[in-house]
Amino acid sequence: MIVMLGFSANVSIGLWTRSTVEAVAQDAARDLAASPDDSLDSQRVQEVLGRARASLGPTGRRTELTLVRLDDRVVIRVRHPGVSLLPRMISTGASIGALDQTISVRREGSS
């Protein structure tokens, strides 16, 4: 019973973390896509991605958000290792909720 409860808790936390990281990355991509052309520079991009990581709290330190493309589309690559099923001391590398995804949002005003 304890093993099943632990497994269920890890699966729930892993999936919740994955959906939260994905939602924050989507919001960051939409924020960049809605920005006017004259305000988009590398500082603005780093500000938006940094704010996204900060909103994830401790999870943000393990999350990688990288701008891949910025023209008629905003493309962000999101990588997150997920939640480990076992304590670090005996971990085999198995995790739940790992994420390696590319998010693409069309820029406003582009055809």
N, C-alpha and C. Protein backbone atom coordinates (compact mmCIF):
# COMPACT_ATOMS: atom_id res chain seq x y z
N MET A 1 0.83 -1.19 0.00
CA MET A 1 0.00 0.00 0.00
C MET A 1 0.88 1.26 0.00
N ILE A 2 1.93 1.26 0.82
CA ILE A 2 2.82 2.42 0.89
C ILE A 2 3.53 2.64 -0.45
N VAL A 3 3.97 1.55 -1.10
CA VAL A 3 4.65 1.67 -2.39
C VAL A 3 3.71 2.26 -3.43
N MET A 4 2.48 1.80 -3.47
CA MET A 4 1.51 2.33 -4.44
C MET A 4 1.20 3.80 -4.17
N LEU A 5 1.10 4.16 -2.91
CA LEU A 5 0.84 5.55 -2.55
C LEU A 5 2.02 6.43 -2.98
N GLY A 6 3.25 5.97 -2.73
CA GLY A 6 4.44 6.72 -3.14
C GLY A 6 4.52 6.86 -4.65
N PHE A 7 4.25 5.77 -5.35
CA PHE A 7 4.27 5.80 -6.81
C PHE A 7 3.23 6.77 -7.35
N SER A 8 2.03 6.71 -6.81
CA SER A 8 0.95 7.61 -7.25
C SER A 8 1.29 9.07 -6.99
N ALA A 9 1.89 9.33 -5.84
CA ALA A 9 2.28 10.71 -5.52
C ALA A 9 3.34 11.20 -6.50
N ASN A 10 4.33 10.37 -6.82
CA ASN A 10 5.37 10.77 -7.76
C ASN A 10 4.81 11.01 -9.16
N VAL A 11 3.91 10.17 -9.60
CA VAL A 11 3.30 10.36 -10.92
C VAL A 11 2.51 11.66 -10.94
N SER A 12 1.73 11.91 -9.90
CA SER A 12 0.92 13.14 -9.84
C SER A 12 1.80 14.38 -9.83
N ILE A 13 2.84 14.37 -9.02
CA ILE A 13 3.74 15.53 -8.95
C ILE A 13 4.48 15.71 -10.27
N GLY A 14 4.94 14.62 -10.87
CA GLY A 14 5.64 14.70 -12.15
C GLY A 14 4.78 15.29 -13.25
N LEU A 15 3.55 14.85 -13.35
CA LEU A 15 2.66 15.35 -14.39
C LEU A 15 2.24 16.79 -14.12
N TRP A 16 2.04 17.13 -12.85
CA TRP A 16 1.69 18.50 -12.49
C TRP A 16 2.86 19.43 -12.83
N THR A 17 4.08 19.02 -12.51
CA THR A 17 5.26 19.83 -12.80
C THR A 17 5.41 20.01 -14.31
N ARG A 18 5.23 18.94 -15.07
CA ARG A 18 5.35 19.02 -16.52
C ARG A 18 4.34 20.01 -17.10
N SER A 19 3.10 19.93 -16.67
CA SER A 19 2.08 20.82 -17.22
C SER A 19 2.33 22.27 -16.80
N THR A 20 2.87 22.48 -15.60
CA THR A 20 3.19 23.83 -15.15
C THR A 20 4.33 24.43 -15.97
N VAL A 21 5.39 23.65 -16.18
CA VAL A 21 6.53 24.12 -16.97
C VAL A 21 6.08 24.42 -18.40
N GLU A 22 5.28 23.56 -18.97
CA GLU A 22 4.79 23.77 -20.33
C GLU A 22 3.93 25.03 -20.43
N ALA A 23 3.07 25.26 -19.45
CA ALA A 23 2.21 26.44 -19.46
C ALA A 23 3.02 27.72 -19.34
N VAL A 24 4.04 27.72 -18.48
CA VAL A 24 4.88 28.89 -18.32
C VAL A 24 5.65 29.19 -19.61
N ALA A 25 6.14 28.15 -20.27
CA ALA A 25 6.84 28.34 -21.54
C ALA A 25 5.90 28.87 -22.62
N GLN A 26 4.67 28.38 -22.65
CA GLN A 26 3.67 28.89 -23.61
C GLN A 26 3.41 30.37 -23.35
N ASP A 27 3.27 30.75 -22.08
CA ASP A 27 3.04 32.15 -21.74
C ASP A 27 4.21 33.03 -22.17
N ALA A 28 5.43 32.55 -21.97
CA ALA A 28 6.61 33.31 -22.38
C ALA A 28 6.64 33.49 -23.90
N ALA A 29 6.32 32.44 -24.64
CA ALA A 29 6.30 32.53 -26.10
C ALA A 29 5.22 33.51 -26.56
N ARG A 30 4.05 33.47 -25.93
CA ARG A 30 2.98 34.41 -26.30
C ARG A 30 3.36 35.85 -25.94
N ASP A 31 4.05 36.01 -24.82
CA ASP A 31 4.50 37.35 -24.43
C ASP A 31 5.46 37.92 -25.46
N LEU A 32 6.41 37.11 -25.91
CA LEU A 32 7.35 37.56 -26.94
C LEU A 32 6.65 37.80 -28.27
N ALA A 33 5.69 36.96 -28.61
CA ALA A 33 4.97 37.10 -29.88
C ALA A 33 4.13 38.37 -29.92
N ALA A 34 3.66 38.81 -28.76
CA ALA A 34 2.82 40.01 -28.70
C ALA A 34 3.63 41.30 -28.60
N SER A 35 4.94 41.18 -28.40
CA SER A 35 5.80 42.36 -28.28
C SER A 35 5.99 43.04 -29.63
N PRO A 36 6.00 44.37 -29.65
CA PRO A 36 6.27 45.07 -30.92
C PRO A 36 7.70 44.81 -31.38
N ASP A 37 7.91 44.90 -32.69
CA ASP A 37 9.23 44.63 -33.27
C ASP A 37 10.33 45.50 -32.66
N ASP A 38 10.01 46.77 -32.42
CA ASP A 38 11.06 47.68 -31.94
C ASP A 38 11.46 47.42 -30.50
N SER A 39 10.67 46.66 -29.74
CA SER A 39 11.03 46.38 -28.35
C SER A 39 11.72 45.03 -28.17
N LEU A 40 11.83 44.26 -29.25
CA LEU A 40 12.42 42.93 -29.14
C LEU A 40 13.92 42.97 -29.40
N ASP A 41 14.67 42.92 -28.34
CA ASP A 41 16.12 42.78 -28.44
C ASP A 41 16.52 41.65 -27.50
N SER A 42 17.79 41.35 -27.46
CA SER A 42 18.23 40.21 -26.64
C SER A 42 17.96 40.45 -25.17
N GLN A 43 18.01 41.70 -24.73
CA GLN A 43 17.73 41.99 -23.32
C GLN A 43 16.27 41.70 -22.99
N ARG A 44 15.36 42.07 -23.86
CA ARG A 44 13.93 41.82 -23.64
C ARG A 44 13.65 40.32 -23.63
N VAL A 45 14.29 39.57 -24.55
CA VAL A 45 14.10 38.12 -24.62
C VAL A 45 14.59 37.48 -23.33
N GLN A 46 15.78 37.87 -22.86
CA GLN A 46 16.32 37.31 -21.62
C GLN A 46 15.46 37.68 -20.42
N GLU A 47 14.89 38.88 -20.44
CA GLU A 47 14.00 39.31 -19.35
C GLU A 47 12.75 38.42 -19.28
N VAL A 48 12.15 38.17 -20.43
CA VAL A 48 10.93 37.35 -20.47
C VAL A 48 11.24 35.91 -20.06
N LEU A 49 12.33 35.34 -20.60
CA LEU A 49 12.69 33.96 -20.24
C LEU A 49 13.11 33.86 -18.78
N GLY A 50 13.81 34.87 -18.28
CA GLY A 50 14.21 34.88 -16.87
C GLY A 50 13.00 34.97 -15.94
N ARG A 51 12.03 35.80 -16.32
CA ARG A 51 10.81 35.92 -15.52
C ARG A 51 10.03 34.60 -15.52
N ALA A 52 10.05 33.91 -16.67
CA ALA A 52 9.37 32.61 -16.75
C ALA A 52 10.03 31.60 -15.81
N ARG A 53 11.37 31.54 -15.83
CA ARG A 53 12.09 30.63 -14.94
C ARG A 53 11.84 30.99 -13.48
N ALA A 54 11.84 32.28 -13.18
CA ALA A 54 11.63 32.73 -11.80
C ALA A 54 10.23 32.35 -11.31
N SER A 55 9.25 32.39 -12.20
CA SER A 55 7.88 32.05 -11.78
C SER A 55 7.73 30.57 -11.44
N LEU A 56 8.69 29.74 -11.89
CA LEU A 56 8.66 28.32 -11.58
C LEU A 56 9.30 27.99 -10.22
N GLY A 57 9.89 28.99 -9.59
CA GLY A 57 10.53 28.76 -8.29
C GLY A 57 11.74 27.86 -8.42
N PRO A 58 11.94 26.93 -7.48
CA PRO A 58 13.10 26.03 -7.53
C PRO A 58 13.13 25.17 -8.79
N THR A 59 11.99 24.87 -9.35
CA THR A 59 11.92 24.08 -10.58
C THR A 59 12.56 24.83 -11.74
N GLY A 60 12.52 26.15 -11.72
CA GLY A 60 13.08 26.96 -12.79
C GLY A 60 14.58 26.83 -12.93
N ARG A 61 15.26 26.48 -11.83
CA ARG A 61 16.72 26.30 -11.91
C ARG A 61 17.10 25.08 -12.73
N ARG A 62 16.19 24.10 -12.81
CA ARG A 62 16.47 22.89 -13.57
C ARG A 62 15.82 22.92 -14.95
N THR A 63 15.13 24.00 -15.26
CA THR A 63 14.42 24.12 -16.53
C THR A 63 15.22 24.98 -17.50
N GLU A 64 15.35 24.50 -18.71
CA GLU A 64 16.08 25.23 -19.75
C GLU A 64 15.08 25.78 -20.77
N LEU A 65 15.07 27.09 -20.92
CA LEU A 65 14.24 27.76 -21.92
C LEU A 65 15.18 28.46 -22.88
N THR A 66 15.10 28.10 -24.16
CA THR A 66 16.02 28.65 -25.16
C THR A 66 15.22 29.17 -26.35
N LEU A 67 15.50 30.41 -26.74
CA LEU A 67 14.87 30.96 -27.93
C LEU A 67 15.56 30.38 -29.15
N VAL A 68 14.79 29.71 -30.00
CA VAL A 68 15.34 29.06 -31.20
C VAL A 68 15.16 29.96 -32.42
N ARG A 69 14.02 30.63 -32.50
CA ARG A 69 13.71 31.42 -33.70
C ARG A 69 12.86 32.62 -33.30
N LEU A 70 13.15 33.75 -33.93
CA LEU A 70 12.37 34.95 -33.66
C LEU A 70 12.27 35.75 -34.95
N ASP A 71 11.26 35.48 -35.75
CA ASP A 71 10.97 36.26 -36.95
C ASP A 71 9.46 36.33 -37.07
N ASP A 72 8.84 35.64 -38.01
CA ASP A 72 7.39 35.64 -38.08
C ASP A 72 6.78 34.71 -37.03
N ARG A 73 7.62 33.90 -36.40
CA ARG A 73 7.22 33.00 -35.32
C ARG A 73 8.20 33.13 -34.17
N VAL A 74 7.70 32.87 -32.98
CA VAL A 74 8.55 32.74 -31.80
C VAL A 74 8.63 31.25 -31.50
N VAL A 75 9.82 30.71 -31.50
CA VAL A 75 10.01 29.28 -31.22
C VAL A 75 10.92 29.16 -30.00
N ILE A 76 10.42 28.51 -28.97
CA ILE A 76 11.16 28.31 -27.73
C ILE A 76 11.30 26.81 -27.48
N ARG A 77 12.52 26.38 -27.15
CA ARG A 77 12.74 24.99 -26.77
C ARG A 77 12.74 24.91 -25.25
N VAL A 78 11.96 23.95 -24.75
CA VAL A 78 11.81 23.76 -23.31
C VAL A 78 12.36 22.39 -22.94
N ARG A 79 13.24 22.36 -21.96
CA ARG A 79 13.78 21.09 -21.47
C ARG A 79 13.70 21.09 -19.95
N HIS A 80 13.12 20.02 -19.43
CA HIS A 80 12.99 19.86 -17.98
C HIS A 80 13.19 18.38 -17.65
N PRO A 81 14.00 18.07 -16.63
CA PRO A 81 14.33 16.67 -16.35
C PRO A 81 13.21 15.85 -15.72
N GLY A 82 12.17 16.46 -15.22
CA GLY A 82 11.09 15.70 -14.59
C GLY A 82 11.37 15.44 -13.12
N VAL A 83 10.56 14.56 -12.55
CA VAL A 83 10.65 14.23 -11.13
C VAL A 83 11.15 12.80 -11.01
N SER A 84 12.15 12.59 -10.19
CA SER A 84 12.72 11.25 -10.00
C SER A 84 11.82 10.41 -9.11
N LEU A 85 11.71 9.14 -9.44
CA LEU A 85 10.89 8.23 -8.64
C LEU A 85 11.56 7.80 -7.34
N LEU A 86 12.88 7.84 -7.32
CA LEU A 86 13.63 7.37 -6.16
C LEU A 86 14.49 8.49 -5.59
N PRO A 87 14.87 8.39 -4.33
CA PRO A 87 15.79 9.38 -3.77
C PRO A 87 17.10 9.40 -4.54
N ARG A 88 17.80 10.53 -4.55
CA ARG A 88 19.05 10.67 -5.31
C ARG A 88 20.08 9.61 -4.95
N MET A 89 20.10 9.19 -3.70
CA MET A 89 21.09 8.24 -3.24
C MET A 89 21.00 6.91 -3.98
N ILE A 90 19.79 6.49 -4.34
CA ILE A 90 19.61 5.19 -5.01
C ILE A 90 18.95 5.32 -6.38
N SER A 91 18.95 6.54 -6.92
CA SER A 91 18.26 6.80 -8.18
C SER A 91 18.89 6.05 -9.34
N THR A 92 18.02 5.55 -10.23
CA THR A 92 18.47 4.87 -11.44
C THR A 92 18.31 5.76 -12.67
N GLY A 93 17.88 7.00 -12.45
CA GLY A 93 17.69 7.91 -13.56
C GLY A 93 16.27 7.94 -14.10
N ALA A 94 15.41 7.07 -13.58
CA ALA A 94 14.01 7.06 -14.03
C ALA A 94 13.30 8.32 -13.51
N SER A 95 12.57 8.98 -14.39
CA SER A 95 11.84 10.17 -13.97
C SER A 95 10.49 10.22 -14.67
N ILE A 96 9.61 10.98 -14.07
CA ILE A 96 8.27 11.17 -14.62
C ILE A 96 8.07 12.64 -14.91
N GLY A 97 7.49 12.95 -16.03
CA GLY A 97 7.21 14.32 -16.39
C GLY A 97 8.34 15.03 -17.09
N ALA A 98 9.33 14.27 -17.58
CA ALA A 98 10.43 14.91 -18.33
C ALA A 98 9.85 15.58 -19.57
N LEU A 99 10.45 16.69 -19.93
CA LEU A 99 9.92 17.48 -21.03
C LEU A 99 11.06 17.96 -21.93
N ASP A 100 10.95 17.69 -23.21
CA ASP A 100 11.86 18.23 -24.23
C ASP A 100 10.96 18.55 -25.41
N GLN A 101 10.56 19.81 -25.50
CA GLN A 101 9.53 20.19 -26.45
C GLN A 101 9.87 21.54 -27.08
N THR A 102 9.38 21.74 -28.29
CA THR A 102 9.52 23.02 -28.97
C THR A 102 8.14 23.65 -29.06
N ILE A 103 8.05 24.89 -28.61
CA ILE A 103 6.79 25.63 -28.63
C ILE A 103 6.90 26.73 -29.68
N SER A 104 5.93 26.80 -30.56
CA SER A 104 5.93 27.77 -31.65
C SER A 104 4.65 28.61 -31.61
N VAL A 105 4.83 29.93 -31.66
CA VAL A 105 3.68 30.86 -31.63
C VAL A 105 3.90 31.88 -32.75
N ARG A 106 2.87 32.08 -33.57
CA ARG A 106 2.96 33.06 -34.65
C ARG A 106 2.92 34.46 -34.05
N ARG A 107 3.79 35.32 -34.59
CA ARG A 107 3.85 36.71 -34.11
C ARG A 107 2.65 37.49 -34.59
N GLU A 108 2.17 38.39 -33.78
CA GLU A 108 1.05 39.24 -34.16
C GLU A 108 1.47 40.20 -35.25
N GLY A 109 0.61 40.39 -36.20
CA GLY A 109 0.90 41.30 -37.29
C GLY A 109 1.67 40.67 -38.43
N SER A 110 2.04 39.38 -38.31
CA SER A 110 2.75 38.72 -39.41
C SER A 110 1.73 38.00 -40.27
N SER A 111 2.05 37.80 -41.52
CA SER A 111 1.09 37.15 -42.42
C SER A 111 1.36 35.68 -42.56
